Protein backbone atom coordinates (compact mmCIF):
# COMPACT_ATOMS: atom_id res chain seq x y z
CA MET A 1 7.50 -17.71 -15.90
CA ALA A 2 6.45 -14.43 -17.50
CA SER A 3 4.45 -11.93 -15.46
CA ASN A 4 0.83 -11.42 -16.44
CA ASP A 5 -0.08 -7.72 -16.67
CA ASN A 6 -3.77 -8.70 -16.60
CA ALA A 7 -3.49 -10.49 -13.25
CA PRO A 8 -5.76 -8.98 -10.60
CA GLN A 9 -4.12 -6.82 -7.99
CA PHE A 10 -4.79 -7.64 -4.35
CA LEU A 11 -4.49 -5.72 -1.09
CA THR A 12 -3.84 -7.25 2.30
CA ALA A 13 -5.98 -6.13 5.24
CA ASN A 14 -3.04 -4.02 6.48
CA GLU A 15 -2.73 -2.36 3.07
CA LEU A 16 -6.46 -1.62 3.04
CA VAL A 17 -6.28 0.00 6.48
CA GLU A 18 -3.36 2.08 5.21
CA ARG A 19 -5.20 2.97 1.99
CA TRP A 20 -8.12 4.25 4.07
CA ARG A 21 -5.68 6.09 6.37
CA GLY A 22 -6.77 4.25 9.49
CA ALA A 23 -10.44 5.20 9.12
CA ILE A 24 -11.18 1.53 9.82
CA SER A 25 -9.14 -1.00 11.81
CA LEU A 26 -8.07 -4.57 11.21
CA GLY A 27 -10.72 -5.58 13.75
CA THR A 28 -13.41 -3.76 11.79
CA LEU A 29 -12.37 -5.54 8.61
CA ALA A 30 -12.53 -8.88 10.44
CA ASN A 31 -16.01 -8.04 11.75
CA TRP A 32 -17.15 -7.00 8.27
CA ARG A 33 -15.89 -10.29 6.82
CA ALA A 34 -17.75 -12.27 9.49
CA LYS A 35 -20.96 -10.30 8.79
CA LYS A 36 -20.52 -10.46 4.98
CA GLN A 37 -20.12 -6.67 4.84
CA GLY A 38 -17.47 -4.41 3.34
CA PRO A 39 -15.53 -5.03 0.16
CA GLY A 40 -15.36 -8.53 -1.31
CA PHE A 41 -12.34 -10.63 -0.42
CA ASN A 42 -10.62 -13.92 -1.14
CA LYS A 43 -9.34 -16.20 1.58
CA PHE A 44 -6.49 -18.60 0.90
CA GLY A 45 -5.91 -20.65 4.04
CA THR A 46 -5.36 -17.99 6.70
CA LYS A 47 -4.50 -15.24 4.19
CA VAL A 48 -7.18 -12.67 3.36
CA LEU A 49 -6.74 -10.66 0.18
CA TYR A 50 -8.96 -7.89 -1.18
CA PRO A 51 -9.07 -7.60 -4.99
CA ALA A 52 -8.31 -3.98 -5.90
CA GLU A 53 -11.36 -3.90 -8.20
CA GLU A 54 -13.63 -4.94 -5.28
CA VAL A 55 -12.14 -2.20 -3.09
CA ALA A 56 -12.63 0.40 -5.83
CA ALA A 57 -16.24 -0.71 -6.36
CA TYR A 58 -16.92 -0.52 -2.61
CA GLU A 59 -15.40 2.97 -2.46
CA ALA A 60 -17.48 4.14 -5.43
CA LYS A 61 -20.68 2.73 -3.92
CA HIS A 62 -20.04 4.57 -0.65
CA PHE A 63 -18.91 7.86 -2.20
CA GLN A 64 -20.89 10.75 -0.78
CA ARG A 65 -21.51 14.00 -2.58
CA PRO A 66 -22.59 17.13 -0.69
CA ALA A 67 -26.34 17.81 -0.94
CA ASN A 68 -25.77 21.19 -2.62
CA ASP A 69 -23.41 19.72 -5.25
CA ASN A 70 -25.01 19.65 -8.70
CA GLY A 71 -22.42 17.26 -10.06
CA GLY A 72 -20.10 19.93 -11.41
CA GLY A 73 -22.31 21.14 -14.25
CA SER A 74 -23.66 24.66 -14.44
CA LYS A 75 -27.34 25.38 -15.00
């Protein structure tokens, strides 16, 4: 079977904790899932997978810019 380059990429909960450098724990991710918070995920049996595009969207939504930052443009 040929690989599909358009297939979505997924992260495990452990990979997500590593991506965020331990800023959140596996327990926090489990709590978020139970409360319908955090990035979207898929669950296949007991396996939880986070689509990379959902993680990126969650990160973008929670990106914080300093109050004195004018977005990089000069006035």
